[in-house]
Amino acid sequence: MPTHMDSQLQQLKNMNQMVIQVLSAVAPTHKADIEKAVASQTILSPEQAKDWHLVETITDQLIPPGTSFIAVNTDVEPNKETKYEVVTPTISVVSPAFSAARE
């Protein structure tokens, strides 16, 4: 009889197989390379992710200036007034030296 740990291990294997199937459908990389990357828990660089067709563009600007966020609280009790607040984020600029050090 399988143990709880056996069940969780099988679930993890199934999830890895799903990831491999999805990556195989979009990435021009050979399935064996994808299986190896998943098994070794490889973290792709931005350039690798682009080569694998997982991202379209690489940018150093995550959030464009002037972007507004609306926070919505889903833990509101019925018949209570819901307040919405528009938040404008502060964008920090990373120095070119820091960007070069990451590469």
Protein backbone atom coordinates (compact mmCIF):
# COMPACT_ATOMS: atom_id res chain seq x y z
CA MET A 1 0.00 0.00 0.00
CA PRO A 2 1.49 3.37 -1.04
CA THR A 3 2.41 5.77 1.73
CA HIS A 4 1.55 9.46 1.82
CA MET A 5 5.12 10.23 0.75
CA ASP A 6 4.81 7.84 -2.21
CA SER A 7 1.64 9.61 -3.29
CA GLN A 8 3.29 13.01 -3.06
CA LEU A 9 6.33 11.78 -4.98
CA GLN A 10 4.08 10.45 -7.75
CA GLN A 11 2.20 13.75 -7.84
CA LEU A 12 5.51 15.61 -8.21
CA LYS A 13 6.57 13.28 -11.03
CA ASN A 14 3.24 13.87 -12.77
CA MET A 15 3.64 17.65 -12.45
CA ASN A 16 7.16 17.42 -13.88
CA GLN A 17 5.82 15.44 -16.84
CA MET A 18 3.16 18.11 -17.43
CA VAL A 19 5.84 20.82 -17.38
CA ILE A 20 7.91 18.79 -19.85
CA GLN A 21 4.90 18.37 -22.16
CA VAL A 22 4.10 22.09 -22.09
CA LEU A 23 7.72 23.10 -22.69
CA SER A 24 8.03 20.55 -25.49
CA ALA A 25 5.00 22.08 -27.18
CA VAL A 26 6.49 25.59 -27.30
CA ALA A 27 10.27 25.23 -27.08
CA PRO A 28 12.37 24.30 -30.09
CA THR A 29 14.68 22.49 -27.65
CA HIS A 30 14.91 18.70 -27.81
CA LYS A 31 12.71 16.85 -25.33
CA ALA A 32 15.76 15.15 -23.77
CA ASP A 33 17.26 18.59 -22.99
CA ILE A 34 13.97 19.71 -21.46
CA GLU A 35 13.75 16.56 -19.33
CA LYS A 36 17.34 17.13 -18.15
CA ALA A 37 16.60 20.79 -17.31
CA VAL A 38 13.47 19.87 -15.34
CA ALA A 39 15.20 17.01 -13.51
CA SER A 40 18.09 19.25 -12.48
CA GLN A 41 15.73 22.14 -11.60
CA THR A 42 17.55 24.44 -14.02
CA ILE A 43 16.75 28.13 -13.78
CA LEU A 44 16.89 29.65 -17.25
CA SER A 45 18.55 32.98 -17.91
CA PRO A 46 16.40 35.59 -19.65
CA GLU A 47 18.19 34.82 -22.91
CA GLN A 48 17.62 31.06 -22.52
CA ALA A 49 13.93 31.65 -21.78
CA LYS A 50 13.71 33.69 -24.98
CA ASP A 51 15.56 30.99 -26.95
CA TRP A 52 13.08 28.43 -25.58
CA HIS A 53 10.17 30.69 -26.69
CA LEU A 54 8.96 31.13 -23.10
CA VAL A 55 9.23 34.93 -23.25
CA GLU A 56 8.92 37.31 -26.16
CA THR A 57 10.98 40.25 -24.99
CA ILE A 58 13.52 40.95 -22.29
CA THR A 59 13.34 44.30 -20.58
CA ASP A 60 15.08 45.94 -17.66
CA GLN A 61 11.91 47.84 -16.80
CA LEU A 62 9.41 45.64 -14.98
CA ILE A 63 6.71 48.26 -14.47
CA PRO A 64 6.38 51.17 -16.88
CA PRO A 65 6.38 54.63 -15.25
CA GLY A 66 2.89 55.93 -14.58
CA THR A 67 1.35 52.49 -14.19
CA SER A 68 -1.54 52.53 -11.71
CA PHE A 69 -2.46 49.61 -9.52
CA ILE A 70 -5.85 48.96 -8.02
CA ALA A 71 -5.87 46.83 -4.89
CA VAL A 72 -9.00 44.76 -4.34
CA ASN A 73 -9.66 43.11 -1.01
CA THR A 74 -11.54 39.82 -1.40
CA ASP A 75 -11.92 39.32 2.36
CA VAL A 76 -14.76 41.81 2.64
CA GLU A 77 -17.74 41.01 4.80
CA PRO A 78 -21.13 41.29 3.08
CA ASN A 79 -22.92 44.63 3.40
CA LYS A 80 -19.70 46.45 4.33
CA GLU A 81 -18.43 49.33 2.29
CA THR A 82 -15.46 48.40 0.10
CA LYS A 83 -12.76 51.03 -0.35
CA TYR A 84 -10.56 51.14 -3.44
CA GLU A 85 -7.28 52.96 -3.59
CA VAL A 86 -5.24 53.84 -6.66
CA VAL A 87 -1.55 53.36 -6.00
CA THR A 88 1.21 54.81 -8.17
CA PRO A 89 4.41 52.83 -7.62
CA THR A 90 7.81 54.37 -7.16
CA ILE A 91 10.18 53.15 -9.83
CA SER A 92 13.80 52.63 -8.77
CA VAL A 93 16.51 52.96 -11.38
CA VAL A 94 19.28 50.38 -11.21
CA SER A 95 22.72 51.70 -12.04
CA PRO A 96 24.44 50.40 -15.19
CA ALA A 97 27.22 48.99 -12.97
CA PHE A 98 24.68 46.82 -11.15
CA SER A 99 23.20 45.61 -14.45
CA ALA A 100 26.67 44.75 -15.77
CA ALA A 101 27.50 42.85 -12.56
CA ARG A 102 24.40 40.65 -13.00
CA GLU A 103 25.53 39.57 -16.48
